[in-house]
Amino acid sequence: MTDEAIPGIDPAVPPSGEGCAECLSGGGWWFHLRRCAACGHIGCCDSSPAQHATAHAREAGHPFLASFEPGEDWFWNVETQAFYRGPALAPPLSHPESQPVPGPPGNVPTDWQQHLH
């Protein structure tokens, strides 16, 4: 990781929760989770049916998303379509390892693989 400040990444902001905010409020489900590096919003990845993380990044003008998956440590810029290295973010760095993928429990259809992008 780098110690240099990167516009659009605020290392002090904690994540908004343990799952995609929009999927949880609307009864949806996700494959993997992404974290907005500017405001901490947790959204679902682009392989997920609703692709909330990228939609949030574009609507809010927050270009950097970070993985919110255990063991992953990368940033993606939705504007440049490139991976980046960045600073350590405020914990937690991922959803709980005990949380199933895909999730959340009870909302994932049995044929979930057919719904991925």
C-alpha atoms as a PDB file:
ATOM      1  CA  MET A   1       0.000   0.000   0.000  1.00  0.00           C
ATOM      2  CA  THR A   2       1.006   3.575  -0.439  1.00  0.00           C
ATOM      3  CA  ASP A   3       1.242   6.376   2.134  1.00  0.00           C
ATOM      4  CA  GLU A   4       0.447   9.100  -0.413  1.00  0.00           C
ATOM      5  CA  ALA A   5      -3.001  10.694  -0.321  1.00  0.00           C
ATOM      6  CA  ILE A   6      -5.153   9.753  -3.302  1.00  0.00           C
ATOM      7  CA  PRO A   7      -8.062  12.051  -4.174  1.00  0.00           C
ATOM      8  CA  GLY A   8     -11.265  10.022  -3.854  1.00  0.00           C
ATOM      9  CA  ILE A   9      -9.966   7.726  -1.112  1.00  0.00           C
ATOM     10  CA  ASP A  10     -10.636   8.554   2.539  1.00  0.00           C
ATOM     11  CA  PRO A  11      -8.867   5.962   4.703  1.00  0.00           C
ATOM     12  CA  ALA A  12     -10.613   7.154   7.881  1.00  0.00           C
ATOM     13  CA  VAL A  13     -14.197   6.366   6.784  1.00  0.00           C
ATOM     14  CA  PRO A  14     -15.540   3.026   8.075  1.00  0.00           C
ATOM     15  CA  PRO A  15     -17.744   0.748   5.928  1.00  0.00           C
ATOM     16  CA  SER A  16     -21.490   1.376   5.991  1.00  0.00           C
ATOM     17  CA  GLY A  17     -22.312  -2.185   7.052  1.00  0.00           C
ATOM     18  CA  GLU A  18     -21.679  -5.864   6.340  1.00  0.00           C
ATOM     19  CA  GLY A  19     -23.713  -6.182   3.141  1.00  0.00           C
ATOM     20  CA  CYS A  20     -24.995  -4.274   0.130  1.00  0.00           C
ATOM     21  CA  ALA A  21     -27.152  -1.472   1.518  1.00  0.00           C
ATOM     22  CA  GLU A  22     -29.576  -1.468  -1.430  1.00  0.00           C
ATOM     23  CA  CYS A  23     -29.920  -5.261  -1.626  1.00  0.00           C
ATOM     24  CA  LEU A  24     -30.599  -5.474   2.098  1.00  0.00           C
ATOM     25  CA  SER A  25     -33.253  -2.767   1.979  1.00  0.00           C
ATOM     26  CA  GLY A  26     -34.893  -4.108  -1.191  1.00  0.00           C
ATOM     27  CA  GLY A  27     -34.754  -7.879  -0.686  1.00  0.00           C
ATOM     28  CA  GLY A  28     -32.009  -8.434  -3.272  1.00  0.00           C
ATOM     29  CA  TRP A  29     -28.836 -10.491  -3.107  1.00  0.00           C
ATOM     30  CA  TRP A  30     -25.170 -10.147  -4.060  1.00  0.00           C
ATOM     31  CA  PHE A  31     -22.299 -12.256  -5.276  1.00  0.00           C
ATOM     32  CA  HIS A  32     -19.368 -10.206  -3.938  1.00  0.00           C
ATOM     33  CA  LEU A  33     -19.188  -6.912  -2.088  1.00  0.00           C
ATOM     34  CA  ARG A  34     -17.373  -3.661  -2.842  1.00  0.00           C
ATOM     35  CA  ARG A  35     -16.679  -0.689  -0.600  1.00  0.00           C
ATOM     36  CA  CYS A  36     -16.702   2.927  -1.726  1.00  0.00           C
ATOM     37  CA  ALA A  37     -13.276   4.254  -0.797  1.00  0.00           C
ATOM     38  CA  ALA A  38     -14.632   7.795  -0.401  1.00  0.00           C
ATOM     39  CA  CYS A  39     -17.678   7.311   1.845  1.00  0.00           C
ATOM     40  CA  GLY A  40     -17.662   3.642   2.949  1.00  0.00           C
ATOM     41  CA  HIS A  41     -20.890   2.670   1.136  1.00  0.00           C
ATOM     42  CA  ILE A  42     -21.092  -1.109   0.710  1.00  0.00           C
ATOM     43  CA  GLY A  43     -22.587  -2.270  -2.572  1.00  0.00           C
ATOM     44  CA  CYS A  44     -22.715  -5.411  -4.667  1.00  0.00           C
ATOM     45  CA  CYS A  45     -20.147  -6.140  -7.389  1.00  0.00           C
ATOM     46  CA  ASP A  46     -20.609  -5.930 -11.146  1.00  0.00           C
ATOM     47  CA  SER A  47     -21.152  -9.702 -11.345  1.00  0.00           C
ATOM     48  CA  SER A  48     -24.157  -9.323  -9.023  1.00  0.00           C
ATOM     49  CA  PRO A  49     -27.602  -8.814 -10.571  1.00  0.00           C
ATOM     50  CA  ALA A  50     -28.035  -5.197  -9.406  1.00  0.00           C
ATOM     51  CA  GLN A  51     -24.423  -3.894  -9.604  1.00  0.00           C
ATOM     52  CA  HIS A  52     -25.061  -1.352  -6.835  1.00  0.00           C
ATOM     53  CA  ALA A  53     -21.404  -0.523  -6.032  1.00  0.00           C
ATOM     54  CA  THR A  54     -20.564   0.821  -9.489  1.00  0.00           C
ATOM     55  CA  ALA A  55     -23.919   2.607  -9.697  1.00  0.00           C
ATOM     56  CA  HIS A  56     -23.135   4.337  -6.396  1.00  0.00           C
ATOM     57  CA  ALA A  57     -19.625   5.268  -7.532  1.00  0.00           C
ATOM     58  CA  ARG A  58     -20.910   6.864 -10.724  1.00  0.00           C
ATOM     59  CA  GLU A  59     -23.894   8.632  -9.144  1.00  0.00           C
ATOM     60  CA  ALA A  60     -21.887   9.975  -6.196  1.00  0.00           C
ATOM     61  CA  GLY A  61     -18.786  10.839  -8.220  1.00  0.00           C
ATOM     62  CA  HIS A  62     -16.683   8.543  -6.018  1.00  0.00           C
ATOM     63  CA  PRO A  63     -14.361   6.794  -8.485  1.00  0.00           C
ATOM     64  CA  PHE A  64     -12.625   4.262  -6.228  1.00  0.00           C
ATOM     65  CA  LEU A  65     -14.098   0.983  -5.036  1.00  0.00           C
ATOM     66  CA  ALA A  66     -12.253  -1.458  -2.795  1.00  0.00           C
ATOM     67  CA  SER A  67     -12.941  -5.141  -2.411  1.00  0.00           C
ATOM     68  CA  PHE A  68     -14.930  -5.957   0.721  1.00  0.00           C
ATOM     69  CA  GLU A  69     -14.111  -9.658   0.492  1.00  0.00           C
ATOM     70  CA  PRO A  70     -11.909 -11.456   3.057  1.00  0.00           C
ATOM     71  CA  GLY A  71      -8.284 -11.687   1.944  1.00  0.00           C
ATOM     72  CA  GLU A  72      -8.613  -9.217  -0.945  1.00  0.00           C
ATOM     73  CA  ASP A  73      -6.692  -5.948  -0.936  1.00  0.00           C
ATOM     74  CA  TRP A  74      -7.243  -3.856  -4.063  1.00  0.00           C
ATOM     75  CA  PHE A  75      -8.892  -0.717  -5.396  1.00  0.00           C
ATOM     76  CA  TRP A  76     -10.721  -0.330  -8.724  1.00  0.00           C
ATOM     77  CA  ASN A  77     -11.275   3.010 -10.411  1.00  0.00           C
ATOM     78  CA  VAL A  78     -14.620   3.006 -12.220  1.00  0.00           C
ATOM     79  CA  GLU A  79     -13.555   5.994 -14.353  1.00  0.00           C
ATOM     80  CA  THR A  80     -10.226   4.642 -15.616  1.00  0.00           C
ATOM     81  CA  GLN A  81     -11.220   0.940 -15.448  1.00  0.00           C
ATOM     82  CA  ALA A  82      -7.902   0.143 -13.755  1.00  0.00           C
ATOM     83  CA  PHE A  83      -6.715  -1.483 -10.537  1.00  0.00           C
ATOM     84  CA  TYR A  84      -4.814   0.658  -8.040  1.00  0.00           C
ATOM     85  CA  ARG A  85      -2.885   0.239  -4.829  1.00  0.00           C
ATOM     86  CA  GLY A  86      -3.958   2.522  -2.052  1.00  0.00           C
ATOM     87  CA  PRO A  87      -3.836   3.188   1.665  1.00  0.00           C
ATOM     88  CA  ALA A  88      -5.144   0.911   4.383  1.00  0.00           C
ATOM     89  CA  LEU A  89      -8.797   1.665   5.031  1.00  0.00           C
ATOM     90  CA  ALA A  90     -10.593   1.860   8.375  1.00  0.00           C
ATOM     91  CA  PRO A  91     -11.660  -1.542   9.674  1.00  0.00           C
ATOM     92  CA  PRO A  92     -13.354  -3.823   9.123  1.00  0.00           C
ATOM     93  CA  LEU A  93     -11.695  -4.517   5.786  1.00  0.00           C
ATOM     94  CA  SER A  94     -14.231  -7.141   4.718  1.00  0.00           C
ATOM     95  CA  HIS A  95     -17.544  -8.688   5.561  1.00  0.00           C
ATOM     96  CA  PRO A  96     -17.329 -11.360   8.275  1.00  0.00           C
ATOM     97  CA  GLU A  97     -15.727 -14.564   7.035  1.00  0.00           C
ATOM     98  CA  SER A  98     -18.751 -16.427   8.415  1.00  0.00           C
ATOM     99  CA  GLN A  99     -21.062 -14.506   6.048  1.00  0.00           C
ATOM    100  CA  PRO A 100     -21.961 -16.740   3.087  1.00  0.00           C
ATOM    101  CA  VAL A 101     -21.108 -15.894  -0.514  1.00  0.00           C
ATOM    102  CA  PRO A 102     -23.389 -15.201  -2.241  1.00  0.00           C
ATOM    103  CA  GLY A 103     -25.584 -13.501   0.329  1.00  0.00           C
ATOM    104  CA  PRO A 104     -27.514 -12.575   2.270  1.00  0.00           C
ATOM    105  CA  PRO A 105     -28.918 -15.872   3.528  1.00  0.00           C
ATOM    106  CA  GLY A 106     -32.537 -16.354   2.558  1.00  0.00           C
ATOM    107  CA  ASN A 107     -32.454 -14.033  -0.475  1.00  0.00           C
ATOM    108  CA  VAL A 108     -30.212 -16.012  -2.828  1.00  0.00           C
ATOM    109  CA  PRO A 109     -32.113 -18.043  -5.443  1.00  0.00           C
ATOM    110  CA  THR A 110     -31.158 -21.680  -5.935  1.00  0.00           C
ATOM    111  CA  ASP A 111     -30.170 -20.928  -9.540  1.00  0.00           C
ATOM    112  CA  TRP A 112     -28.070 -17.885  -8.529  1.00  0.00           C
ATOM    113  CA  GLN A 113     -25.243 -18.743 -10.939  1.00  0.00           C
ATOM    114  CA  GLN A 114     -27.648 -18.185 -13.853  1.00  0.00           C
ATOM    115  CA  HIS A 115     -28.175 -14.576 -12.725  1.00  0.00           C
ATOM    116  CA  LEU A 116     -24.538 -13.435 -12.634  1.00  0.00           C
ATOM    117  CA  HIS A 117     -23.183 -10.913 -15.118  1.00  0.00           C
END
